[in-house]
Amino acid sequence: MLVLLQAENEVAALSRKLSLLEDDYEKSQANLKTANDRVHELTISADESERSVTSSRHAVMRYLKLFMVSFSADCCMANS
């Protein structure tokens, strides 16, 4: 009878441990989903920032080319 009681107590303890592990697993899954969602958001934001920087860089290059053309034309006129 004592062995049976010890076995029941051990099963109860193991069941409690299993329940706690399942709770930890569910919390970990939720945290992982939150982290993955955040990484996804940050990836999208980084992509948008990169596109913005590229667009700005192209605009600056266009303005520089226009300035250089205008400056060259002014210099040619001044030398004439």
PDB file of N, CA and C in Angstrom:
ATOM      1  N   MET A   1       0.814  -1.188   0.000  1.00  0.00           N
ATOM      2  CA  MET A   1       0.000   0.000   0.000  1.00  0.00           C
ATOM      3  C   MET A   1       0.867   1.265   0.000  1.00  0.00           C
ATOM      4  N   LEU A   2       1.952   1.245   0.739  1.00  0.00           N
ATOM      5  CA  LEU A   2       2.870   2.369   0.802  1.00  0.00           C
ATOM      6  C   LEU A   2       3.510   2.618  -0.555  1.00  0.00           C
ATOM      7  N   VAL A   3       3.852   1.558  -1.261  1.00  0.00           N
ATOM      8  CA  VAL A   3       4.455   1.680  -2.583  1.00  0.00           C
ATOM      9  C   VAL A   3       3.459   2.321  -3.548  1.00  0.00           C
ATOM     10  N   LEU A   4       2.208   1.922  -3.433  1.00  0.00           N
ATOM     11  CA  LEU A   4       1.168   2.490  -4.299  1.00  0.00           C
ATOM     12  C   LEU A   4       0.988   3.972  -4.012  1.00  0.00           C
ATOM     13  N   LEU A   5       0.989   4.368  -2.770  1.00  0.00           N
ATOM     14  CA  LEU A   5       0.854   5.771  -2.393  1.00  0.00           C
ATOM     15  C   LEU A   5       2.052   6.586  -2.902  1.00  0.00           C
ATOM     16  N   GLN A   6       3.245   6.016  -2.783  1.00  0.00           N
ATOM     17  CA  GLN A   6       4.439   6.702  -3.286  1.00  0.00           C
ATOM     18  C   GLN A   6       4.372   6.858  -4.814  1.00  0.00           C
ATOM     19  N   ALA A   7       3.893   5.844  -5.478  1.00  0.00           N
ATOM     20  CA  ALA A   7       3.775   5.893  -6.928  1.00  0.00           C
ATOM     21  C   ALA A   7       2.746   6.948  -7.342  1.00  0.00           C
ATOM     22  N   GLU A   8       1.633   7.004  -6.631  1.00  0.00           N
ATOM     23  CA  GLU A   8       0.611   8.012  -6.940  1.00  0.00           C
ATOM     24  C   GLU A   8       1.156   9.422  -6.718  1.00  0.00           C
ATOM     25  N   ASN A   9       1.914   9.603  -5.638  1.00  0.00           N
ATOM     26  CA  ASN A   9       2.522  10.908  -5.357  1.00  0.00           C
ATOM     27  C   ASN A   9       3.534  11.281  -6.444  1.00  0.00           C
ATOM     28  N   GLU A  10       4.300  10.310  -6.896  1.00  0.00           N
ATOM     29  CA  GLU A  10       5.272  10.557  -7.951  1.00  0.00           C
ATOM     30  C   GLU A  10       4.576  10.909  -9.265  1.00  0.00           C
ATOM     31  N   VAL A  11       3.497  10.202  -9.565  1.00  0.00           N
ATOM     32  CA  VAL A  11       2.721  10.503 -10.778  1.00  0.00           C
ATOM     33  C   VAL A  11       2.131  11.910 -10.680  1.00  0.00           C
ATOM     34  N   ALA A  12       1.616  12.274  -9.509  1.00  0.00           N
ATOM     35  CA  ALA A  12       1.047  13.608  -9.314  1.00  0.00           C
ATOM     36  C   ALA A  12       2.131  14.680  -9.492  1.00  0.00           C
ATOM     37  N   ALA A  13       3.326  14.439  -8.943  1.00  0.00           N
ATOM     38  CA  ALA A  13       4.429  15.390  -9.074  1.00  0.00           C
ATOM     39  C   ALA A  13       4.859  15.514 -10.533  1.00  0.00           C
ATOM     40  N   LEU A  14       4.944  14.387 -11.210  1.00  0.00           N
ATOM     41  CA  LEU A  14       5.318  14.415 -12.624  1.00  0.00           C
ATOM     42  C   LEU A  14       4.250  15.099 -13.477  1.00  0.00           C
ATOM     43  N   SER A  15       3.004  14.894 -13.147  1.00  0.00           N
ATOM     44  CA  SER A  15       1.916  15.555 -13.866  1.00  0.00           C
ATOM     45  C   SER A  15       1.996  17.068 -13.680  1.00  0.00           C
ATOM     46  N   ARG A  16       2.312  17.494 -12.459  1.00  0.00           N
ATOM     47  CA  ARG A  16       2.457  18.928 -12.182  1.00  0.00           C
ATOM     48  C   ARG A  16       3.633  19.500 -12.982  1.00  0.00           C
ATOM     49  N   LYS A  17       4.750  18.777 -12.991  1.00  0.00           N
ATOM     50  CA  LYS A  17       5.911  19.230 -13.769  1.00  0.00           C
ATOM     51  C   LYS A  17       5.566  19.323 -15.249  1.00  0.00           C
ATOM     52  N   LEU A  18       4.846  18.327 -15.743  1.00  0.00           N
ATOM     53  CA  LEU A  18       4.444  18.332 -17.150  1.00  0.00           C
ATOM     54  C   LEU A  18       3.540  19.527 -17.449  1.00  0.00           C
ATOM     55  N   SER A  19       2.618  19.794 -16.545  1.00  0.00           N
ATOM     56  CA  SER A  19       1.717  20.938 -16.719  1.00  0.00           C
ATOM     57  C   SER A  19       2.506  22.247 -16.747  1.00  0.00           C
ATOM     58  N   LEU A  20       3.475  22.395 -15.861  1.00  0.00           N
ATOM     59  CA  LEU A  20       4.312  23.600 -15.846  1.00  0.00           C
ATOM     60  C   LEU A  20       5.133  23.717 -17.127  1.00  0.00           C
ATOM     61  N   LEU A  21       5.656  22.595 -17.609  1.00  0.00           N
ATOM     62  CA  LEU A  21       6.410  22.606 -18.859  1.00  0.00           C
ATOM     63  C   LEU A  21       5.525  22.996 -20.042  1.00  0.00           C
ATOM     64  N   GLU A  22       4.300  22.494 -20.043  1.00  0.00           N
ATOM     65  CA  GLU A  22       3.370  22.863 -21.111  1.00  0.00           C
ATOM     66  C   GLU A  22       3.056  24.359 -21.071  1.00  0.00           C
ATOM     67  N   ASP A  23       2.868  24.907 -19.861  1.00  0.00           N
ATOM     68  CA  ASP A  23       2.631  26.346 -19.721  1.00  0.00           C
ATOM     69  C   ASP A  23       3.830  27.141 -20.237  1.00  0.00           C
ATOM     70  N   ASP A  24       5.040  26.712 -19.851  1.00  0.00           N
ATOM     71  CA  ASP A  24       6.259  27.385 -20.325  1.00  0.00           C
ATOM     72  C   ASP A  24       6.365  27.307 -21.842  1.00  0.00           C
ATOM     73  N   TYR A  25       6.023  26.155 -22.396  1.00  0.00           N
ATOM     74  CA  TYR A  25       6.070  25.979 -23.845  1.00  0.00           C
ATOM     75  C   TYR A  25       5.109  26.937 -24.537  1.00  0.00           C
ATOM     76  N   GLU A  26       3.881  27.049 -24.019  1.00  0.00           N
ATOM     77  CA  GLU A  26       2.895  27.947 -24.612  1.00  0.00           C
ATOM     78  C   GLU A  26       3.356  29.402 -24.521  1.00  0.00           C
ATOM     79  N   LYS A  27       3.938  29.790 -23.380  1.00  0.00           N
ATOM     80  CA  LYS A  27       4.452  31.153 -23.232  1.00  0.00           C
ATOM     81  C   LYS A  27       5.604  31.390 -24.201  1.00  0.00           C
ATOM     82  N   SER A  28       6.459  30.393 -24.349  1.00  0.00           N
ATOM     83  CA  SER A  28       7.593  30.512 -25.275  1.00  0.00           C
ATOM     84  C   SER A  28       7.105  30.649 -26.714  1.00  0.00           C
ATOM     85  N   GLN A  29       6.082  29.884 -27.066  1.00  0.00           N
ATOM     86  CA  GLN A  29       5.509  29.976 -28.411  1.00  0.00           C
ATOM     87  C   GLN A  29       4.941  31.378 -28.652  1.00  0.00           C
ATOM     88  N   ALA A  30       4.247  31.917 -27.659  1.00  0.00           N
ATOM     89  CA  ALA A  30       3.675  33.255 -27.784  1.00  0.00           C
ATOM     90  C   ALA A  30       4.789  34.298 -27.918  1.00  0.00           C
ATOM     91  N   ASN A  31       5.838  34.151 -27.108  1.00  0.00           N
ATOM     92  CA  ASN A  31       6.972  35.083 -27.189  1.00  0.00           C
ATOM     93  C   ASN A  31       7.670  34.982 -28.535  1.00  0.00           C
ATOM     94  N   LEU A  32       7.806  33.783 -29.051  1.00  0.00           N
ATOM     95  CA  LEU A  32       8.433  33.582 -30.358  1.00  0.00           C
ATOM     96  C   LEU A  32       7.601  34.234 -31.457  1.00  0.00           C
ATOM     97  N   LYS A  33       6.296  34.080 -31.383  1.00  0.00           N
ATOM     98  CA  LYS A  33       5.424  34.709 -32.387  1.00  0.00           C
ATOM     99  C   LYS A  33       5.549  36.220 -32.319  1.00  0.00           C
ATOM    100  N   THR A  34       5.552  36.767 -31.109  1.00  0.00           N
ATOM    101  CA  THR A  34       5.706  38.214 -30.945  1.00  0.00           C
ATOM    102  C   THR A  34       7.036  38.681 -31.527  1.00  0.00           C
ATOM    103  N   ALA A  35       8.107  37.948 -31.240  1.00  0.00           N
ATOM    104  CA  ALA A  35       9.432  38.307 -31.751  1.00  0.00           C
ATOM    105  C   ALA A  35       9.466  38.216 -33.278  1.00  0.00           C
ATOM    106  N   ASN A  36       8.884  37.167 -33.834  1.00  0.00           N
ATOM    107  CA  ASN A  36       8.848  37.015 -35.294  1.00  0.00           C
ATOM    108  C   ASN A  36       8.043  38.137 -35.946  1.00  0.00           C
ATOM    109  N   ASP A  37       6.922  38.495 -35.338  1.00  0.00           N
ATOM    110  CA  ASP A  37       6.110  39.592 -35.871  1.00  0.00           C
ATOM    111  C   ASP A  37       6.904  40.898 -35.849  1.00  0.00           C
ATOM    112  N   ARG A  38       7.633  41.121 -34.772  1.00  0.00           N
ATOM    113  CA  ARG A  38       8.435  42.353 -34.646  1.00  0.00           C
ATOM    114  C   ARG A  38       9.563  42.371 -35.684  1.00  0.00           C
ATOM    115  N   VAL A  39      10.204  41.233 -35.871  1.00  0.00           N
ATOM    116  CA  VAL A  39      11.268  41.151 -36.879  1.00  0.00           C
ATOM    117  C   VAL A  39      10.687  41.447 -38.259  1.00  0.00           C
ATOM    118  N   HIS A  40       9.515  40.913 -38.528  1.00  0.00           N
ATOM    119  CA  HIS A  40       8.855  41.165 -39.818  1.00  0.00           C
ATOM    120  C   HIS A  40       8.581  42.663 -40.001  1.00  0.00           C
ATOM    121  N   GLU A  41       8.042  43.300 -38.965  1.00  0.00           N
ATOM    122  CA  GLU A  41       7.769  44.737 -39.026  1.00  0.00           C
ATOM    123  C   GLU A  41       9.052  45.526 -39.264  1.00  0.00           C
ATOM    124  N   LEU A  42      10.111  45.160 -38.541  1.00  0.00           N
ATOM    125  CA  LEU A  42      11.380  45.877 -38.682  1.00  0.00           C
ATOM    126  C   LEU A  42      12.000  45.655 -40.056  1.00  0.00           C
ATOM    127  N   THR A  43      11.818  44.469 -40.604  1.00  0.00           N
ATOM    128  CA  THR A  43      12.326  44.186 -41.948  1.00  0.00           C
ATOM    129  C   THR A  43      11.625  45.064 -42.976  1.00  0.00           C
ATOM    130  N   ILE A  44      10.319  45.172 -42.849  1.00  0.00           N
ATOM    131  CA  ILE A  44       9.554  46.032 -43.755  1.00  0.00           C
ATOM    132  C   ILE A  44      10.007  47.482 -43.609  1.00  0.00           C
ATOM    133  N   SER A  45      10.172  47.933 -42.376  1.00  0.00           N
ATOM    134  CA  SER A  45      10.615  49.301 -42.126  1.00  0.00           C
ATOM    135  C   SER A  45      12.009  49.547 -42.700  1.00  0.00           C
ATOM    136  N   ALA A  46      12.899  48.592 -42.531  1.00  0.00           N
ATOM    137  CA  ALA A  46      14.260  48.725 -43.070  1.00  0.00           C
ATOM    138  C   ALA A  46      14.228  48.784 -44.599  1.00  0.00           C
ATOM    139  N   ASP A  47      13.395  47.953 -45.215  1.00  0.00           N
ATOM    140  CA  ASP A  47      13.263  47.970 -46.674  1.00  0.00           C
ATOM    141  C   ASP A  47      12.758  49.328 -47.162  1.00  0.00           C
ATOM    142  N   GLU A  48      11.755  49.873 -46.454  1.00  0.00           N
ATOM    143  CA  GLU A  48      11.215  51.181 -46.834  1.00  0.00           C
ATOM    144  C   GLU A  48      12.275  52.264 -46.664  1.00  0.00           C
ATOM    145  N   SER A  49      13.041  52.188 -45.597  1.00  0.00           N
ATOM    146  CA  SER A  49      14.108  53.170 -45.373  1.00  0.00           C
ATOM    147  C   SER A  49      15.169  53.073 -46.460  1.00  0.00           C
ATOM    148  N   GLU A  50      15.512  51.862 -46.822  1.00  0.00           N
ATOM    149  CA  GLU A  50      16.511  51.664 -47.871  1.00  0.00           C
ATOM    150  C   GLU A  50      16.030  52.243 -49.196  1.00  0.00           C
ATOM    151  N   ARG A  51      14.753  52.016 -49.514  1.00  0.00           N
ATOM    152  CA  ARG A  51      14.196  52.588 -50.742  1.00  0.00           C
ATOM    153  C   ARG A  51      14.212  54.114 -50.692  1.00  0.00           C
ATOM    154  N   SER A  52      13.910  54.675 -49.541  1.00  0.00           N
ATOM    155  CA  SER A  52      13.915  56.122 -49.375  1.00  0.00           C
ATOM    156  C   SER A  52      15.320  56.693 -49.552  1.00  0.00           C
ATOM    157  N   VAL A  53      16.301  56.026 -48.961  1.00  0.00           N
ATOM    158  CA  VAL A  53      17.685  56.481 -49.102  1.00  0.00           C
ATOM    159  C   VAL A  53      18.122  56.401 -50.562  1.00  0.00           C
ATOM    160  N   THR A  54      17.779  55.317 -51.216  1.00  0.00           N
ATOM    161  CA  THR A  54      18.139  55.157 -52.631  1.00  0.00           C
ATOM    162  C   THR A  54      17.480  56.237 -53.475  1.00  0.00           C
ATOM    163  N   SER A  55      16.222  56.506 -53.211  1.00  0.00           N
ATOM    164  CA  SER A  55      15.501  57.541 -53.946  1.00  0.00           C
ATOM    165  C   SER A  55      16.141  58.909 -53.704  1.00  0.00           C
ATOM    166  N   SER A  56      16.480  59.198 -52.465  1.00  0.00           N
ATOM    167  CA  SER A  56      17.120  60.479 -52.139  1.00  0.00           C
ATOM    168  C   SER A  56      18.482  60.586 -52.813  1.00  0.00           C
ATOM    169  N   ARG A  57      19.219  59.499 -52.804  1.00  0.00           N
ATOM    170  CA  ARG A  57      20.538  59.487 -53.445  1.00  0.00           C
ATOM    171  C   ARG A  57      20.410  59.785 -54.936  1.00  0.00           C
ATOM    172  N   HIS A  58      19.419  59.176 -55.578  1.00  0.00           N
ATOM    173  CA  HIS A  58      19.201  59.420 -57.008  1.00  0.00           C
ATOM    174  C   HIS A  58      18.798  60.868 -57.267  1.00  0.00           C
ATOM    175  N   ALA A  59      17.966  61.421 -56.392  1.00  0.00           N
ATOM    176  CA  ALA A  59      17.552  62.818 -56.547  1.00  0.00           C
ATOM    177  C   ALA A  59      18.753  63.747 -56.403  1.00  0.00           C
ATOM    178  N   VAL A  60      19.603  63.501 -55.432  1.00  0.00           N
ATOM    179  CA  VAL A  60      20.803  64.320 -55.245  1.00  0.00           C
ATOM    180  C   VAL A  60      21.695  64.236 -56.476  1.00  0.00           C
ATOM    181  N   MET A  61      21.851  63.042 -57.016  1.00  0.00           N
ATOM    182  CA  MET A  61      22.688  62.882 -58.214  1.00  0.00           C
ATOM    183  C   MET A  61      22.100  63.656 -59.398  1.00  0.00           C
ATOM    184  N   ARG A  62      20.771  63.629 -59.553  1.00  0.00           N
ATOM    185  CA  ARG A  62      20.139  64.390 -60.638  1.00  0.00           C
ATOM    186  C   ARG A  62      20.389  65.887 -60.464  1.00  0.00           C
ATOM    187  N   TYR A  63      20.221  66.383 -59.234  1.00  0.00           N
ATOM    188  CA  TYR A  63      20.450  67.800 -58.978  1.00  0.00           C
ATOM    189  C   TYR A  63      21.906  68.176 -59.199  1.00  0.00           C
ATOM    190  N   LEU A  64      22.822  67.312 -58.799  1.00  0.00           N
ATOM    191  CA  LEU A  64      24.242  67.584 -59.029  1.00  0.00           C
ATOM    192  C   LEU A  64      24.555  67.652 -60.517  1.00  0.00           C
ATOM    193  N   LYS A  65      23.977  66.736 -61.287  1.00  0.00           N
ATOM    194  CA  LYS A  65      24.200  66.754 -62.733  1.00  0.00           C
ATOM    195  C   LYS A  65      23.655  68.037 -63.339  1.00  0.00           C
ATOM    196  N   LEU A  66      22.454  68.436 -62.907  1.00  0.00           N
ATOM    197  CA  LEU A  66      21.880  69.690 -63.410  1.00  0.00           C
ATOM    198  C   LEU A  66      22.757  70.879 -63.028  1.00  0.00           C
ATOM    199  N   PHE A  67      23.251  70.883 -61.816  1.00  0.00           N
ATOM    200  CA  PHE A  67      24.123  71.956 -61.364  1.00  0.00           C
ATOM    201  C   PHE A  67      25.406  71.996 -62.194  1.00  0.00           C
ATOM    202  N   MET A  68      25.981  70.826 -62.425  1.00  0.00           N
ATOM    203  CA  MET A  68      27.226  70.764 -63.199  1.00  0.00           C
ATOM    204  C   MET A  68      26.998  71.245 -64.628  1.00  0.00           C
ATOM    205  N   VAL A  69      25.875  70.841 -65.222  1.00  0.00           N
ATOM    206  CA  VAL A  69      25.560  71.288 -66.585  1.00  0.00           C
ATOM    207  C   VAL A  69      25.371  72.801 -66.591  1.00  0.00           C
ATOM    208  N   SER A  70      24.623  73.293 -65.624  1.00  0.00           N
ATOM    209  CA  SER A  70      24.373  74.732 -65.533  1.00  0.00           C
ATOM    210  C   SER A  70      25.673  75.486 -65.279  1.00  0.00           C
ATOM    211  N   PHE A  71      26.500  74.975 -64.392  1.00  0.00           N
ATOM    212  CA  PHE A  71      27.780  75.612 -64.073  1.00  0.00           C
ATOM    213  C   PHE A  71      28.692  75.621 -65.294  1.00  0.00           C
ATOM    214  N   SER A  72      28.724  74.501 -66.006  1.00  0.00           N
ATOM    215  CA  SER A  72      29.553  74.421 -67.218  1.00  0.00           C
ATOM    216  C   SER A  72      29.069  75.412 -68.271  1.00  0.00           C
ATOM    217  N   ALA A  73      27.761  75.529 -68.428  1.00  0.00           N
ATOM    218  CA  ALA A  73      27.203  76.464 -69.404  1.00  0.00           C
ATOM    219  C   ALA A  73      27.539  77.895 -69.017  1.00  0.00           C
ATOM    220  N   ASP A  74      27.443  78.211 -67.730  1.00  0.00           N
ATOM    221  CA  ASP A  74      27.777  79.557 -67.255  1.00  0.00           C
ATOM    222  C   ASP A  74      29.239  79.862 -67.483  1.00  0.00           C
ATOM    223  N   CYS A  75      30.106  78.890 -67.249  1.00  0.00           N
ATOM    224  CA  CYS A  75      31.537  79.092 -67.447  1.00  0.00           C
ATOM    225  C   CYS A  75      31.847  79.315 -68.922  1.00  0.00           C
ATOM    226  N   CYS A  76      31.168  78.562 -69.794  1.00  0.00           N
ATOM    227  CA  CYS A  76      31.404  78.703 -71.237  1.00  0.00           C
ATOM    228  C   CYS A  76      30.952  80.083 -71.713  1.00  0.00           C
ATOM    229  N   MET A  77      29.841  80.562 -71.194  1.00  0.00           N
ATOM    230  CA  MET A  77      29.330  81.877 -71.571  1.00  0.00           C
ATOM    231  C   MET A  77      30.237  82.987 -71.062  1.00  0.00           C
ATOM    232  N   ALA A  78      30.764  82.789 -69.875  1.00  0.00           N
ATOM    233  CA  ALA A  78      31.640  83.800 -69.286  1.00  0.00           C
ATOM    234  C   ALA A  78      32.944  83.906 -70.057  1.00  0.00           C
ATOM    235  N   ASN A  79      33.392  82.793 -70.618  1.00  0.00           N
ATOM    236  CA  ASN A  79      34.654  82.774 -71.357  1.00  0.00           C
ATOM    237  C   ASN A  79      34.477  83.305 -72.780  1.00  0.00           C
ATOM    238  N   SER A  80      33.266  83.422 -73.241  1.00  0.00           N
ATOM    239  CA  SER A  80      33.030  83.870 -74.637  1.00  0.00           C
ATOM    240  C   SER A  80      33.132  85.354 -74.776  1.00  0.00           C
TER     241      SER A  80
END
